[in-house]
C-alpha atoms as a PDB file:
ATOM      1  CA  MET A   1     -12.130-103.841  20.682  1.00  0.00           C
ATOM      2  CA  GLN A   2     -11.982-101.201  18.492  1.00  0.00           C
ATOM      3  CA  ALA A   3     -11.167 -98.594  21.294  1.00  0.00           C
ATOM      4  CA  LYS A   4      -8.246-100.974  22.235  1.00  0.00           C
ATOM      5  CA  THR A   5      -6.663-100.830  18.732  1.00  0.00           C
ATOM      6  CA  ASN A   6      -6.633 -97.339  18.461  1.00  0.00           C
ATOM      7  CA  SER A   7      -5.419 -96.955  22.619  1.00  0.00           C
ATOM      8  CA  SER A   8      -2.115 -99.098  20.994  1.00  0.00           C
ATOM      9  CA  GLN A   9      -1.749 -96.759  17.957  1.00  0.00           C
ATOM     10  CA  SER A  10      -2.048 -93.776  19.969  1.00  0.00           C
ATOM     11  CA  GLY A  11       0.323 -95.747  22.387  1.00  0.00           C
ATOM     12  CA  GLY A  12       2.492 -96.182  19.558  1.00  0.00           C
ATOM     13  CA  ALA A  13       2.359 -92.668  18.115  1.00  0.00           C
ATOM     14  CA  ALA A  14       3.588 -91.312  21.402  1.00  0.00           C
ATOM     15  CA  ALA A  15       6.392 -94.079  21.688  1.00  0.00           C
ATOM     16  CA  ALA A  16       7.608 -93.009  18.111  1.00  0.00           C
ATOM     17  CA  ALA A  17       7.351 -88.885  19.352  1.00  0.00           C
ATOM     18  CA  ARG A  18       9.851 -89.811  22.782  1.00  0.00           C
ATOM     19  CA  ALA A  19      11.865 -91.349  20.333  1.00  0.00           C
ATOM     20  CA  SER A  20      12.261 -88.572  17.999  1.00  0.00           C
ATOM     21  CA  ASN A  21      12.419 -86.045  20.939  1.00  0.00           C
ATOM     22  CA  THR A  22      15.363 -88.358  22.415  1.00  0.00           C
ATOM     23  CA  SER A  23      17.050 -88.075  19.223  1.00  0.00           C
ATOM     24  CA  VAL A  24      16.496 -84.364  18.365  1.00  0.00           C
ATOM     25  CA  GLU A  25      17.742 -83.952  22.011  1.00  0.00           C
ATOM     26  CA  HIS A  26      21.183 -85.973  20.865  1.00  0.00           C
ATOM     27  CA  VAL A  27      21.674 -84.079  17.833  1.00  0.00           C
ATOM     28  CA  LEU A  28      21.338 -81.119  19.609  1.00  0.00           C
ATOM     29  CA  GLY A  29      23.424 -81.778  22.063  1.00  0.00           C
ATOM     30  CA  LEU A  30      26.127 -82.743  20.038  1.00  0.00           C
ATOM     31  CA  CYS A  31      26.365 -78.687  19.102  1.00  0.00           C
ATOM     32  CA  GLU A  32      29.640 -77.240  19.902  1.00  0.00           C
ATOM     33  CA  THR A  33      29.058 -73.449  18.814  1.00  0.00           C
ATOM     34  CA  PRO A  34      25.989 -71.065  18.245  1.00  0.00           C
ATOM     35  CA  GLN A  35      26.204 -71.248  14.578  1.00  0.00           C
ATOM     36  CA  GLN A  36      26.042 -75.645  14.861  1.00  0.00           C
ATOM     37  CA  PHE A  37      23.090 -75.618  17.126  1.00  0.00           C
ATOM     38  CA  CYS A  38      21.292 -72.998  15.036  1.00  0.00           C
ATOM     39  CA  ALA A  39      22.010 -74.864  11.951  1.00  0.00           C
ATOM     40  CA  ALA A  40      20.634 -77.988  13.435  1.00  0.00           C
ATOM     41  CA  LEU A  41      17.505 -76.032  14.450  1.00  0.00           C
ATOM     42  CA  ALA A  42      17.004 -74.736  11.285  1.00  0.00           C
ATOM     43  CA  LYS A  43      17.005 -78.311   9.051  1.00  0.00           C
ATOM     44  CA  LEU A  44      14.661 -78.960  12.136  1.00  0.00           C
ATOM     45  CA  PHE A  45      11.854 -76.839  11.643  1.00  0.00           C
ATOM     46  CA  GLY A  46      13.020 -76.391   7.607  1.00  0.00           C
ATOM     47  CA  VAL A  47      13.842 -72.788   7.630  1.00  0.00           C
ATOM     48  CA  ARG A  48      17.143 -71.186   6.303  1.00  0.00           C
ATOM     49  CA  PRO A  49      19.860 -70.795   8.955  1.00  0.00           C
ATOM     50  CA  THR A  50      19.926 -67.053   8.981  1.00  0.00           C
ATOM     51  CA  GLU A  51      15.775 -67.520  10.259  1.00  0.00           C
ATOM     52  CA  VAL A  52      17.351 -68.795  13.708  1.00  0.00           C
ATOM     53  CA  ALA A  53      18.091 -66.320  16.120  1.00  0.00           C
ATOM     54  CA  LEU A  54      19.920 -67.092  19.399  1.00  0.00           C
ATOM     55  CA  MET A  55      20.417 -64.347  21.737  1.00  0.00           C
ATOM     56  CA  ARG A  56      22.729 -65.041  25.194  1.00  0.00           C
ATOM     57  CA  LEU A  57      21.954 -62.738  28.623  1.00  0.00           C
ATOM     58  CA  GLN A  58      24.706 -60.845  29.843  1.00  0.00           C
ATOM     59  CA  ARG A  59      24.705 -57.856  32.123  1.00  0.00           C
ATOM     60  CA  GLY A  60      20.479 -57.288  31.422  1.00  0.00           C
ATOM     61  CA  LEU A  61      21.346 -57.221  27.343  1.00  0.00           C
ATOM     62  CA  LEU A  62      20.426 -59.853  25.025  1.00  0.00           C
ATOM     63  CA  SER A  63      23.212 -60.098  22.735  1.00  0.00           C
ATOM     64  CA  PHE A  64      23.367 -62.097  20.000  1.00  0.00           C
ATOM     65  CA  LEU A  65      25.402 -65.482  19.232  1.00  0.00           C
ATOM     66  CA  HIS A  66      23.805 -66.266  15.631  1.00  0.00           C
ATOM     67  CA  PRO A  67      23.019 -64.983  12.653  1.00  0.00           C
ATOM     68  CA  GLU A  68      26.671 -63.677  12.641  1.00  0.00           C
ATOM     69  CA  GLN A  69      26.157 -60.316  11.047  1.00  0.00           C
ATOM     70  CA  LEU A  70      23.597 -59.421  14.026  1.00  0.00           C
ATOM     71  CA  LYS A  71      26.778 -60.026  16.550  1.00  0.00           C
ATOM     72  CA  THR A  72      28.079 -56.454  15.530  1.00  0.00           C
ATOM     73  CA  ALA A  73      24.597 -54.787  15.221  1.00  0.00           C
ATOM     74  CA  GLY A  74      23.970 -54.059  18.996  1.00  0.00           C
ATOM     75  CA  SER A  75      22.084 -55.759  21.801  1.00  0.00           C
ATOM     76  CA  ILE A  76      18.665 -55.952  23.335  1.00  0.00           C
ATOM     77  CA  PRO A  77      18.033 -54.337  26.619  1.00  0.00           C
ATOM     78  CA  VAL A  78      15.542 -57.004  28.574  1.00  0.00           C
ATOM     79  CA  SER A  79      13.687 -53.996  29.687  1.00  0.00           C
ATOM     80  CA  SER A  80      12.826 -53.243  26.605  1.00  0.00           C
ATOM     81  CA  SER A  81       8.803 -52.877  25.602  1.00  0.00           C
ATOM     82  CA  SER A  82       8.870 -53.459  22.176  1.00  0.00           C
ATOM     83  CA  ALA A  83      11.716 -56.286  21.684  1.00  0.00           C
ATOM     84  CA  VAL A  84       9.682 -59.716  21.900  1.00  0.00           C
ATOM     85  CA  ALA A  85      12.651 -61.458  22.681  1.00  0.00           C
ATOM     86  CA  ALA A  86      12.909 -59.323  25.962  1.00  0.00           C
ATOM     87  CA  HIS A  87       9.366 -60.338  26.379  1.00  0.00           C
ATOM     88  CA  THR A  88       9.943 -63.337  26.320  1.00  0.00           C
ATOM     89  CA  ALA A  89      13.216 -63.129  28.894  1.00  0.00           C
ATOM     90  CA  SER A  90      11.439 -61.422  31.063  1.00  0.00           C
ATOM     91  CA  THR A  91       8.571 -63.600  31.283  1.00  0.00           C
ATOM     92  CA  LYS A  92       9.887 -66.414  30.899  1.00  0.00           C
ATOM     93  CA  LYS A  93       7.211 -68.164  28.110  1.00  0.00           C
ATOM     94  CA  THR A  94       7.224 -69.551  25.124  1.00  0.00           C
ATOM     95  CA  GLU A  95       5.901 -67.163  22.403  1.00  0.00           C
ATOM     96  CA  LEU A  96       4.262 -68.098  19.131  1.00  0.00           C
ATOM     97  CA  PHE A  97       3.118 -65.449  16.398  1.00  0.00           C
ATOM     98  CA  ASN A  98       1.603 -66.833  13.067  1.00  0.00           C
ATOM     99  CA  SER A  99       1.042 -63.272  12.123  1.00  0.00           C
ATOM    100  CA  PHE A 100       4.111 -61.651  13.422  1.00  0.00           C
ATOM    101  CA  VAL A 101       3.751 -58.520  11.074  1.00  0.00           C
ATOM    102  CA  LYS A 102       0.557 -57.576  13.217  1.00  0.00           C
ATOM    103  CA  VAL A 103       2.716 -57.875  16.628  1.00  0.00           C
ATOM    104  CA  LYS A 104       4.279 -54.331  17.723  1.00  0.00           C
ATOM    105  CA  HIS A 105       7.944 -55.036  17.953  1.00  0.00           C
ATOM    106  CA  ALA A 106      11.489 -53.777  17.458  1.00  0.00           C
ATOM    107  CA  SER A 107      12.214 -54.031  13.777  1.00  0.00           C
ATOM    108  CA  ILE A 108      15.875 -52.681  13.923  1.00  0.00           C
ATOM    109  CA  PHE A 109      17.259 -55.958  13.594  1.00  0.00           C
ATOM    110  CA  GLU A 110      15.355 -56.890  10.250  1.00  0.00           C
ATOM    111  CA  SER A 111      16.824 -54.192   8.715  1.00  0.00           C
ATOM    112  CA  VAL A 112      20.336 -55.816   9.264  1.00  0.00           C
ATOM    113  CA  LYS A 113      21.949 -56.843   5.828  1.00  0.00           C
ATOM    114  CA  LEU A 114      22.102 -61.079   6.487  1.00  0.00           C
ATOM    115  CA  ALA A 115      24.622 -63.121   3.999  1.00  0.00           C
ATOM    116  CA  ALA A 116      22.385 -64.325   1.238  1.00  0.00           C
ATOM    117  CA  SER A 117      22.425 -68.053   1.091  1.00  0.00           C
ATOM    118  CA  GLU A 118      22.624 -69.705  -2.927  1.00  0.00           C
ATOM    119  CA  ASP A 119      19.170 -71.107  -2.076  1.00  0.00           C
ATOM    120  CA  ALA A 120      17.209 -68.035  -1.493  1.00  0.00           C
ATOM    121  CA  PRO A 121      19.245 -65.136  -2.208  1.00  0.00           C
ATOM    122  CA  SER A 122      17.128 -62.503  -2.754  1.00  0.00           C
ATOM    123  CA  ALA A 123      14.037 -64.108   0.373  1.00  0.00           C
ATOM    124  CA  GLU A 124      16.655 -63.156   3.539  1.00  0.00           C
ATOM    125  CA  GLN A 125      15.531 -59.804   3.281  1.00  0.00           C
ATOM    126  CA  ASN A 126      12.026 -60.466   3.263  1.00  0.00           C
ATOM    127  CA  THR A 127       9.780 -59.618   6.466  1.00  0.00           C
ATOM    128  CA  ILE A 128       9.603 -61.917   9.417  1.00  0.00           C
ATOM    129  CA  GLN A 129       5.903 -63.399   8.919  1.00  0.00           C
ATOM    130  CA  LYS A 130       5.766 -66.013  11.709  1.00  0.00           C
ATOM    131  CA  LEU A 131       8.109 -66.385  14.545  1.00  0.00           C
ATOM    132  CA  MET A 132       8.647 -68.495  17.749  1.00  0.00           C
ATOM    133  CA  SER A 133      10.846 -67.221  20.837  1.00  0.00           C
ATOM    134  CA  ALA A 134      11.573 -69.199  23.471  1.00  0.00           C
ATOM    135  CA  PRO A 135      13.535 -68.623  27.084  1.00  0.00           C
ATOM    136  CA  VAL A 136      16.550 -70.331  27.711  1.00  0.00           C
ATOM    137  CA  LEU A 137      16.543 -71.544  31.311  1.00  0.00           C
ATOM    138  CA  ASP A 138      19.081 -72.994  33.883  1.00  0.00           C
ATOM    139  CA  PRO A 139      17.919 -75.669  36.257  1.00  0.00           C
ATOM    140  CA  GLN A 140      16.986 -72.649  38.684  1.00  0.00           C
ATOM    141  CA  ARG A 141      14.778 -71.040  36.271  1.00  0.00           C
ATOM    142  CA  LYS A 142      17.643 -68.515  35.522  1.00  0.00           C
ATOM    143  CA  VAL A 143      17.631 -66.827  31.999  1.00  0.00           C
ATOM    144  CA  LEU A 144      20.516 -67.800  30.144  1.00  0.00           C
ATOM    145  CA  GLY A 145      19.358 -66.530  26.717  1.00  0.00           C
ATOM    146  CA  VAL A 146      16.713 -66.521  24.053  1.00  0.00           C
ATOM    147  CA  VAL A 147      16.212 -68.644  20.990  1.00  0.00           C
ATOM    148  CA  GLN A 148      13.675 -67.406  18.309  1.00  0.00           C
ATOM    149  CA  VAL A 149      12.494 -69.369  14.837  1.00  0.00           C
ATOM    150  CA  CYS A 150      11.122 -66.990  12.339  1.00  0.00           C
ATOM    151  CA  ARG A 151       9.670 -67.763   8.542  1.00  0.00           C
ATOM    152  CA  LYS A 152      10.522 -64.994   5.828  1.00  0.00           C
ATOM    153  CA  GLY A 153       8.278 -63.980   3.319  1.00  0.00           C
ATOM    154  CA  PHE A 154       6.674 -60.856   1.377  1.00  0.00           C
ATOM    155  CA  ASP A 155       3.687 -62.188   2.772  1.00  0.00           C
ATOM    156  CA  PRO A 156       2.504 -64.858   4.897  1.00  0.00           C
ATOM    157  CA  GLY A 157       1.389 -67.026   2.382  1.00  0.00           C
ATOM    158  CA  ASN A 158       5.133 -67.387   0.967  1.00  0.00           C
ATOM    159  CA  ALA A 159       6.471 -67.729   4.169  1.00  0.00           C
ATOM    160  CA  GLY A 160       5.791 -71.248   4.603  1.00  0.00           C
ATOM    161  CA  PRO A 161       3.471 -73.183   7.288  1.00  0.00           C
ATOM    162  CA  ASP A 162       2.338 -71.528  10.116  1.00  0.00           C
ATOM    163  CA  PHE A 163       4.241 -73.012  13.211  1.00  0.00           C
ATOM    164  CA  SER A 164       1.988 -75.852  15.342  1.00  0.00           C
ATOM    165  CA  LEU A 165       1.786 -76.213  19.160  1.00  0.00           C
ATOM    166  CA  ASP A 166       3.953 -79.452  18.032  1.00  0.00           C
ATOM    167  CA  ASP A 167       6.116 -76.718  16.732  1.00  0.00           C
ATOM    168  CA  LEU A 168       6.586 -74.538  20.099  1.00  0.00           C
ATOM    169  CA  GLN A 169       6.960 -78.297  22.199  1.00  0.00           C
ATOM    170  CA  GLN A 170      10.107 -78.570  19.833  1.00  0.00           C
ATOM    171  CA  LEU A 171      11.446 -75.559  20.393  1.00  0.00           C
ATOM    172  CA  GLU A 172      11.288 -75.597  24.291  1.00  0.00           C
ATOM    173  CA  LEU A 173      12.705 -79.038  24.342  1.00  0.00           C
ATOM    174  CA  SER A 174      15.642 -77.840  22.049  1.00  0.00           C
ATOM    175  CA  ALA A 175      15.490 -74.584  24.621  1.00  0.00           C
ATOM    176  CA  LYS A 176      16.259 -77.073  27.756  1.00  0.00           C
ATOM    177  CA  VAL A 177      19.353 -78.481  25.389  1.00  0.00           C
ATOM    178  CA  LEU A 178      20.565 -74.872  24.949  1.00  0.00           C
ATOM    179  CA  ALA A 179      20.921 -74.843  28.329  1.00  0.00           C
ATOM    180  CA  ASN A 180      23.129 -77.438  28.958  1.00  0.00           C
ATOM    181  CA  LEU A 181      25.706 -76.372  26.210  1.00  0.00           C
ATOM    182  CA  ALA A 182      29.155 -74.436  26.989  1.00  0.00           C
ATOM    183  CA  PHE A 183      28.351 -71.446  25.059  1.00  0.00           C
ATOM    184  CA  MET A 184      25.348 -70.613  26.745  1.00  0.00           C
ATOM    185  CA  LYS A 185      26.865 -70.321  30.068  1.00  0.00           C
END
């Protein structure tokens, strides 16, 4: 009898998770601009909007659609051996780093001054401590771009909680929704 109760409880939890995923897909699917999508994603993960990056692949280069300040900062060649976004695009696999400062990566875009928000005027320029990265793939598994969510801080402790495997799955789901939005095509 106990096992049956646990089974029905876990079934209820699974149903709640599916309902939650459906509502997340719905909300993200309504976004008409990269900024709207990234703001919704930031809210989903409890990060600042500038801690979400969205890049579209064009002619072998990943160009930023968000944050706004990175649009003119340059592009990332998919052939880059030091950029995590390029690695995500070339392998077509999601990645999770809760000790990102220890990962060898191109940090040139971290030096770009992002607009400070009222809730965190100085924290915006902190170092990326934790990062999730997911490819945006069309139905034929062609790479359309890369979406990343990070947590910045002076150290891992003040950057916020570690990303979980559930978070990574949510980012994958979000990337699938993103692949169907007009601004990614």
